[in-house]
Amino acid sequence: MCSPLWTLLLLATCLCPQTLRALKESYRRGHDGSTVDEMLARLGEGPALFTDAGATSTCEDSTCEEREGGLCWGYERDCTEDNRLFVPRCDGSPKPWAQTMEGKMELFWTQADFGYVKKVVDSLAILCSPKGKIAEGASQLICSAQLRYCRARNLYMDLRRYRQMTEKQGTYRSFLEDIFEEGEIGGNCELDINRLRDNARHKSPLQSWYAELGGYSSVDFKVKEGEQCDEIVTRPTVFIKLDAVVNMYHHFCDFFNIYASQHVNGSFSDDVQIVIWDTTLSKEFRDPFIETWRAFTRHPVMKLAQFQGKRVSRLLRCVSRTSFSPCWLACNKASTIILI
């Protein structure tokens, strides 16, 4: 089988520090001889991780090329296999997954490792181009194939009909579809409607964000102008659709999705607001794994219902985006939006 070493390190670094005791004795780095402790120390350095000694610049975007020969995750444009932090290791027969061992390792790399992040990054396309400068209120929408991941700047949402739509479609349904009518979600940008509609094939609550963004519209006002909104959110914000919080496997898929989205988004800050995209009327968030959220945010987790009845905009003050995370690992879903 292939060894998902980075997956175990992710759990150890972000979610379960106590598992380090077991990892320390069981795993060692391959080509550079680093121990788990040394790798985790580097992982904790965040976006500036893979610059050479003495470098002080940080990488603010997943396409950053300031590495000067240092280690990299594998999805960067200039990252070679020799410079990857982790390279899949497989034993046993390659079948039935592939015809050769090289094919088996490549399959693992592209489906369960940072090669998947690379596929998402490579498929990003602009669906709505800003009408002017983003700093002055213009908007932008960028998505990967089939809207599994998206990021937006200066997003506008009109949730004044939220209660009406929830009661009409089912008060206890967490993933109501088509809750926005024309003009109720969008931004001040030129929309490529044909490209948007071409990415509708995977419309489903946990596989795509098309149900939420299929009605994205071009609005004639700049989102920065507060008179169009009842509430303006200035903190970087993450919207996430959860799978099943009562099941550890399914719920930790949510955390993997956030982590993968952070890589695509190029930001690892915990000074973000996480909002659960749950279309029920409940405003209270309960989670048996509530402590795990502290790996991603220092602020209390909110729910979408807390904004019902309002016109809300997310103003992005610096390089940032709204992200709908990709399907990641074995989790068949696309669960996060990040507004950073």
Protein backbone atom coordinates (compact mmCIF):
# COMPACT_ATOMS: atom_id res chain seq x y z
CA MET A 1 0.00 0.00 0.00
CA CYS A 2 1.04 3.64 -0.37
CA SER A 3 2.06 5.49 2.77
CA PRO A 4 0.04 8.70 3.31
CA LEU A 5 2.80 10.17 5.47
CA TRP A 6 1.77 13.79 4.95
CA THR A 7 -1.77 12.86 5.98
CA LEU A 8 -0.54 11.54 9.31
CA LEU A 9 1.62 14.60 9.77
CA LEU A 10 -1.37 16.85 9.07
CA LEU A 11 -3.36 15.11 11.78
CA ALA A 12 -0.45 15.33 14.17
CA THR A 13 0.27 18.98 13.43
CA CYS A 14 -3.21 20.44 13.23
CA LEU A 15 -5.59 18.09 14.95
CA CYS A 16 -4.10 15.46 17.24
CA PRO A 17 -0.75 16.48 18.77
CA GLN A 18 -0.81 13.43 21.03
CA THR A 19 -0.34 11.09 18.06
CA LEU A 20 3.20 12.39 17.69
CA ARG A 21 4.44 9.87 20.22
CA ALA A 22 3.52 7.02 17.91
CA LEU A 23 4.74 8.77 14.77
CA LYS A 24 8.16 9.62 16.18
CA GLU A 25 9.28 6.00 16.34
CA SER A 26 7.51 4.77 13.19
CA TYR A 27 8.32 7.27 10.44
CA ARG A 28 11.45 8.85 9.04
CA ARG A 29 11.97 11.16 6.08
CA GLY A 30 13.26 9.59 2.88
CA HIS A 31 15.55 11.67 0.68
CA ASP A 32 16.80 14.31 3.13
CA GLY A 33 16.98 12.22 6.29
CA SER A 34 14.84 14.57 8.40
CA THR A 35 13.06 13.15 11.43
CA VAL A 36 9.37 13.68 12.10
CA ASP A 37 10.23 16.29 14.72
CA GLU A 38 12.24 18.28 12.20
CA MET A 39 9.51 18.07 9.57
CA LEU A 40 6.85 19.19 12.00
CA ALA A 41 9.02 22.11 13.03
CA ARG A 42 9.21 23.16 9.38
CA LEU A 43 5.49 22.55 8.83
CA GLY A 44 4.72 24.92 11.68
CA GLU A 45 6.40 27.78 9.85
CA GLY A 46 3.45 28.21 7.50
CA PRO A 47 3.65 29.79 4.02
CA ALA A 48 7.31 30.82 4.43
CA LEU A 49 8.21 27.19 5.06
CA PHE A 50 10.11 26.29 1.94
CA THR A 51 12.46 29.22 1.39
CA ASP A 52 16.17 28.68 1.89
CA ALA A 53 17.88 29.58 5.13
CA GLY A 54 17.95 33.32 5.59
CA ALA A 55 15.02 34.03 3.30
CA THR A 56 12.39 36.22 4.94
CA SER A 57 9.72 36.64 2.28
CA THR A 58 6.46 34.70 2.58
CA CYS A 59 4.35 33.13 -0.12
CA GLU A 60 0.95 34.83 -0.37
CA ASP A 61 -0.29 32.83 -3.33
CA SER A 62 -0.22 29.20 -4.39
CA THR A 63 1.68 30.21 -7.54
CA CYS A 64 4.53 31.81 -5.59
CA GLU A 65 7.93 30.96 -7.07
CA GLU A 66 10.25 32.35 -4.37
CA ARG A 67 11.83 29.08 -3.31
CA GLU A 68 15.33 29.25 -4.74
CA GLY A 69 15.73 25.49 -4.77
CA GLY A 70 14.18 24.83 -1.36
CA LEU A 71 11.61 22.17 -0.46
CA CYS A 72 8.04 22.51 -1.74
CA TRP A 73 4.66 20.83 -1.40
CA GLY A 74 4.41 19.68 -5.01
CA TYR A 75 1.67 21.90 -6.44
CA GLU A 76 3.89 24.94 -7.07
CA ARG A 77 4.84 25.72 -10.67
CA ASP A 78 8.57 25.31 -10.09
CA CYS A 79 8.39 22.32 -7.73
CA THR A 80 10.25 19.25 -8.98
CA GLU A 81 9.77 15.75 -7.62
CA ASP A 82 13.23 15.89 -6.05
CA ASN A 83 12.21 18.97 -4.06
CA ARG A 84 8.88 17.64 -2.76
CA LEU A 85 8.67 17.41 1.00
CA PHE A 86 6.94 14.02 0.69
CA VAL A 87 7.12 11.46 -2.11
CA PRO A 88 4.65 8.53 -2.08
CA ARG A 89 6.14 5.16 -1.15
CA CYS A 90 4.28 2.04 -2.24
CA ASP A 91 4.82 -1.67 -1.74
CA GLY A 92 3.01 -4.79 -2.85
CA SER A 93 1.43 -5.35 -6.24
CA PRO A 94 0.31 -2.28 -8.20
CA LYS A 95 -2.86 -4.08 -9.29
CA PRO A 96 -5.80 -3.57 -9.33
CA TRP A 97 -5.09 0.17 -9.01
CA ALA A 98 -2.51 0.43 -11.82
CA GLN A 99 -0.43 -1.64 -14.22
CA THR A 100 2.95 -0.55 -12.82
CA MET A 101 4.31 0.56 -9.46
CA GLU A 102 5.06 3.98 -10.95
CA GLY A 103 1.45 4.23 -12.05
CA LYS A 104 0.27 3.25 -8.58
CA MET A 105 2.38 5.96 -6.94
CA GLU A 106 1.22 8.54 -9.49
CA LEU A 107 -2.41 7.60 -8.86
CA PHE A 108 -1.91 8.02 -5.12
CA TRP A 109 -0.13 11.34 -5.66
CA THR A 110 -2.94 12.81 -7.76
CA GLN A 111 -5.86 11.45 -5.69
CA ALA A 112 -4.69 11.46 -2.06
CA ASP A 113 -1.72 13.79 -1.85
CA PHE A 114 -0.69 17.30 -2.84
CA GLY A 115 -0.98 16.31 -6.49
CA TYR A 116 -4.71 16.73 -5.97
CA VAL A 117 -4.15 20.30 -4.81
CA LYS A 118 -2.14 20.84 -7.99
CA LYS A 119 -5.08 19.63 -10.11
CA VAL A 120 -7.36 22.11 -8.39
CA VAL A 121 -4.86 24.98 -8.74
CA ASP A 122 -4.27 24.18 -12.43
CA SER A 123 -8.02 24.16 -13.17
CA LEU A 124 -8.78 27.58 -11.64
CA ALA A 125 -10.53 29.92 -14.08
CA ILE A 126 -12.04 33.40 -13.83
CA LEU A 127 -15.83 33.32 -13.99
CA CYS A 128 -16.43 36.97 -13.16
CA SER A 129 -13.83 39.68 -13.92
CA PRO A 130 -13.72 42.84 -11.77
CA LYS A 131 -15.22 46.06 -13.12
CA GLY A 132 -12.39 48.29 -11.97
CA LYS A 133 -10.19 48.02 -8.89
CA ILE A 134 -10.97 45.45 -6.21
CA ALA A 135 -9.74 47.85 -3.54
CA GLU A 136 -12.49 50.25 -4.59
CA GLY A 137 -15.29 47.69 -4.37
CA ALA A 138 -15.08 45.73 -7.62
CA SER A 139 -15.62 41.98 -7.29
CA GLN A 140 -14.12 38.77 -8.64
CA LEU A 141 -15.10 35.10 -8.82
CA ILE A 142 -12.60 32.35 -9.60
CA CYS A 143 -13.46 28.63 -9.53
CA SER A 144 -11.88 25.27 -10.22
CA ALA A 145 -13.48 22.68 -12.48
CA GLN A 146 -17.13 21.93 -11.66
CA LEU A 147 -17.11 24.56 -8.88
CA ARG A 148 -15.53 22.19 -6.38
CA TYR A 149 -13.48 25.12 -5.15
CA CYS A 150 -14.11 28.83 -5.66
CA ARG A 151 -12.78 32.09 -4.33
CA ALA A 152 -14.41 35.48 -4.56
CA ARG A 153 -13.58 39.03 -3.64
CA ASN A 154 -16.18 41.52 -2.47
CA LEU A 155 -19.03 39.03 -2.36
CA TYR A 156 -22.62 40.27 -1.96
CA MET A 157 -25.40 38.09 -0.48
CA ASP A 158 -29.03 39.07 0.09
CA LEU A 159 -30.45 36.80 2.81
CA ARG A 160 -33.67 38.70 3.43
CA ARG A 161 -35.71 35.79 2.01
CA TYR A 162 -33.74 33.21 4.00
CA ARG A 163 -36.51 32.29 6.44
CA GLN A 164 -39.10 32.20 3.65
CA MET A 165 -37.02 29.84 1.51
CA THR A 166 -36.14 27.65 4.48
CA GLU A 167 -39.75 27.24 5.54
CA LYS A 168 -40.83 26.60 1.94
CA GLN A 169 -38.28 23.87 1.18
CA GLY A 170 -38.00 22.30 4.62
CA THR A 171 -37.02 23.82 7.95
CA TYR A 172 -34.68 20.96 8.90
CA ARG A 173 -32.85 20.54 5.61
CA SER A 174 -29.21 21.55 5.91
CA PHE A 175 -28.48 21.88 2.20
CA LEU A 176 -31.33 23.67 0.49
CA GLU A 177 -30.60 24.37 -3.17
CA ASP A 178 -31.21 27.44 -5.27
CA ILE A 179 -31.91 29.67 -2.28
CA PHE A 180 -30.73 32.74 -4.20
CA GLU A 181 -32.67 34.42 -6.96
CA GLU A 182 -31.08 36.68 -9.58
CA GLY A 183 -29.37 39.63 -7.94
CA GLU A 184 -29.27 38.05 -4.47
CA ILE A 185 -25.71 36.74 -4.71
CA GLY A 186 -22.98 38.20 -6.84
CA GLY A 187 -20.60 41.09 -7.23
CA ASN A 188 -19.54 44.09 -9.28
CA CYS A 189 -17.88 42.16 -12.12
CA GLU A 190 -18.34 40.96 -15.70
CA LEU A 191 -19.86 37.47 -15.50
CA ASP A 192 -19.00 34.75 -18.01
CA ILE A 193 -22.37 33.05 -17.76
CA ASN A 194 -21.54 30.34 -20.29
CA ARG A 195 -18.43 29.26 -18.40
CA LEU A 196 -20.40 29.25 -15.16
CA ARG A 197 -23.13 27.02 -16.64
CA ASP A 198 -20.54 24.70 -18.18
CA ASN A 199 -19.54 23.75 -14.63
CA ALA A 200 -22.98 22.60 -13.47
CA ARG A 201 -22.63 18.87 -14.05
CA HIS A 202 -21.65 18.01 -10.46
CA LYS A 203 -24.39 20.02 -8.79
CA SER A 204 -24.95 18.30 -5.46
CA PRO A 205 -24.87 19.45 -1.82
CA LEU A 206 -21.47 17.94 -0.96
CA GLN A 207 -19.79 17.71 -4.35
CA SER A 208 -20.04 21.19 -5.80
CA TRP A 209 -20.94 24.78 -4.97
CA TYR A 210 -23.09 25.22 -8.07
CA ALA A 211 -26.30 25.08 -6.02
CA GLU A 212 -25.10 28.19 -4.20
CA LEU A 213 -23.26 29.97 -7.03
CA GLY A 214 -25.32 28.96 -10.04
CA GLY A 215 -27.32 32.16 -9.59
CA TYR A 216 -24.28 34.40 -9.17
CA SER A 217 -25.11 37.74 -10.80
CA SER A 218 -23.29 40.84 -11.92
CA VAL A 219 -24.55 43.76 -9.81
CA ASP A 220 -24.37 47.41 -10.89
CA PHE A 221 -23.08 48.73 -7.57
CA LYS A 222 -19.72 48.40 -5.87
CA VAL A 223 -19.94 46.16 -2.84
CA LYS A 224 -17.75 48.58 -0.88
CA GLU A 225 -20.62 51.07 -0.82
CA GLY A 226 -22.31 50.31 2.49
CA GLU A 227 -25.78 51.65 1.63
CA GLN A 228 -26.46 48.44 -0.30
CA CYS A 229 -25.79 46.27 2.76
CA ASP A 230 -27.23 45.83 6.23
CA GLU A 231 -24.01 44.23 7.42
CA ILE A 232 -20.44 44.37 6.11
CA VAL A 233 -18.07 41.63 7.24
CA THR A 234 -14.44 42.72 7.16
CA ARG A 235 -12.79 39.73 8.81
CA PRO A 236 -11.56 36.98 6.47
CA THR A 237 -14.37 34.44 6.44
CA VAL A 238 -14.68 30.71 5.76
CA PHE A 239 -18.03 29.21 4.76
CA ILE A 240 -18.16 25.44 5.15
CA LYS A 241 -20.79 22.76 4.55
CA LEU A 242 -20.33 19.93 7.04
CA ASP A 243 -20.82 16.23 6.44
CA ALA A 244 -21.70 14.51 9.75
CA VAL A 245 -20.26 15.96 12.93
CA VAL A 246 -21.34 12.92 14.98
CA ASN A 247 -18.97 10.66 13.01
CA MET A 248 -15.23 11.26 13.40
CA TYR A 249 -14.29 9.98 9.94
CA HIS A 250 -16.87 12.04 8.09
CA HIS A 251 -16.30 15.14 10.21
CA PHE A 252 -12.53 15.05 9.89
CA CYS A 253 -13.05 15.13 6.14
CA ASP A 254 -14.32 18.66 6.78
CA PHE A 255 -11.04 19.59 8.42
CA PHE A 256 -9.04 18.02 5.60
CA ASN A 257 -11.08 20.08 3.14
CA ILE A 258 -10.28 23.28 5.04
CA TYR A 259 -6.59 22.38 5.11
CA ALA A 260 -6.52 21.61 1.38
CA SER A 261 -8.35 24.88 0.70
CA GLN A 262 -5.77 26.78 2.71
CA HIS A 263 -3.09 25.49 0.34
CA VAL A 264 -5.09 26.44 -2.76
CA ASN A 265 -5.89 29.78 -1.15
CA GLY A 266 -2.28 30.43 -0.11
CA SER A 267 -3.22 31.48 3.43
CA PHE A 268 -2.86 29.70 6.78
CA SER A 269 -3.91 32.44 9.18
CA ASP A 270 -6.20 31.52 12.08
CA ASP A 271 -7.54 35.07 12.26
CA VAL A 272 -10.56 34.04 10.19
CA GLN A 273 -14.29 33.77 10.80
CA ILE A 274 -15.73 30.32 10.09
CA VAL A 275 -19.42 30.22 9.19
CA ILE A 276 -21.25 26.90 8.84
CA TRP A 277 -23.27 26.87 5.60
CA ASP A 278 -26.33 25.18 7.02
CA THR A 279 -29.70 26.29 5.63
CA THR A 280 -31.75 25.44 8.71
CA LEU A 281 -33.07 28.17 11.01
CA SER A 282 -30.89 27.06 13.91
CA LYS A 283 -28.31 29.61 15.06
CA GLU A 284 -26.63 27.37 17.63
CA PHE A 285 -23.58 25.35 16.62
CA ARG A 286 -22.88 22.12 18.48
CA ASP A 287 -19.94 19.85 17.74
CA PRO A 288 -18.42 17.01 19.81
CA PHE A 289 -15.09 17.90 18.18
CA ILE A 290 -15.41 21.62 18.88
CA GLU A 291 -11.81 21.89 20.09
CA THR A 292 -10.51 20.89 16.66
CA TRP A 293 -11.73 24.16 15.16
CA ARG A 294 -9.01 25.97 17.11
CA ALA A 295 -6.50 24.58 14.61
CA PHE A 296 -8.11 26.85 12.01
CA THR A 297 -9.63 29.84 13.81
CA ARG A 298 -9.24 31.77 17.03
CA HIS A 299 -12.86 33.01 16.83
CA PRO A 300 -16.18 31.31 17.71
CA VAL A 301 -17.74 29.35 14.86
CA MET A 302 -20.95 30.91 13.48
CA LYS A 303 -23.87 29.61 11.39
CA LEU A 304 -25.42 31.05 8.24
CA ALA A 305 -28.76 31.57 10.01
CA GLN A 306 -27.17 34.33 12.09
CA PHE A 307 -27.25 36.51 8.96
CA GLN A 308 -30.85 35.75 7.96
CA GLY A 309 -32.92 38.77 7.02
CA LYS A 310 -29.87 40.84 6.05
CA ARG A 311 -27.98 41.94 2.98
CA VAL A 312 -24.39 40.97 3.68
CA SER A 313 -21.14 41.77 1.93
CA ARG A 314 -17.65 40.56 2.54
CA LEU A 315 -15.11 43.30 1.94
CA LEU A 316 -11.65 42.04 1.26
CA ARG A 317 -9.05 44.52 2.41
CA CYS A 318 -5.99 42.71 1.07
CA VAL A 319 -5.11 39.89 -1.31
CA SER A 320 -7.88 37.48 -0.54
CA ARG A 321 -10.61 35.31 -1.89
CA THR A 322 -13.76 33.32 -1.29
CA SER A 323 -12.95 29.65 -1.58
CA PHE A 324 -15.15 26.61 -2.05
CA SER A 325 -12.88 23.73 -1.21
CA PRO A 326 -12.32 20.75 -3.48
CA CYS A 327 -13.27 17.16 -2.89
CA TRP A 328 -10.34 15.88 -0.86
CA LEU A 329 -9.08 12.38 -0.13
CA ALA A 330 -11.95 9.90 0.28
CA CYS A 331 -14.51 12.55 1.08
CA ASN A 332 -16.89 13.01 -1.81
CA LYS A 333 -17.64 16.66 -1.20
CA ALA A 334 -16.64 20.24 -1.68
CA SER A 335 -17.27 21.81 1.66
CA THR A 336 -15.61 25.16 2.21
CA ILE A 337 -15.71 28.73 1.05
CA ILE A 338 -12.89 30.94 2.23
CA LEU A 339 -13.19 34.71 2.15
CA ILE A 340 -9.77 36.00 3.05
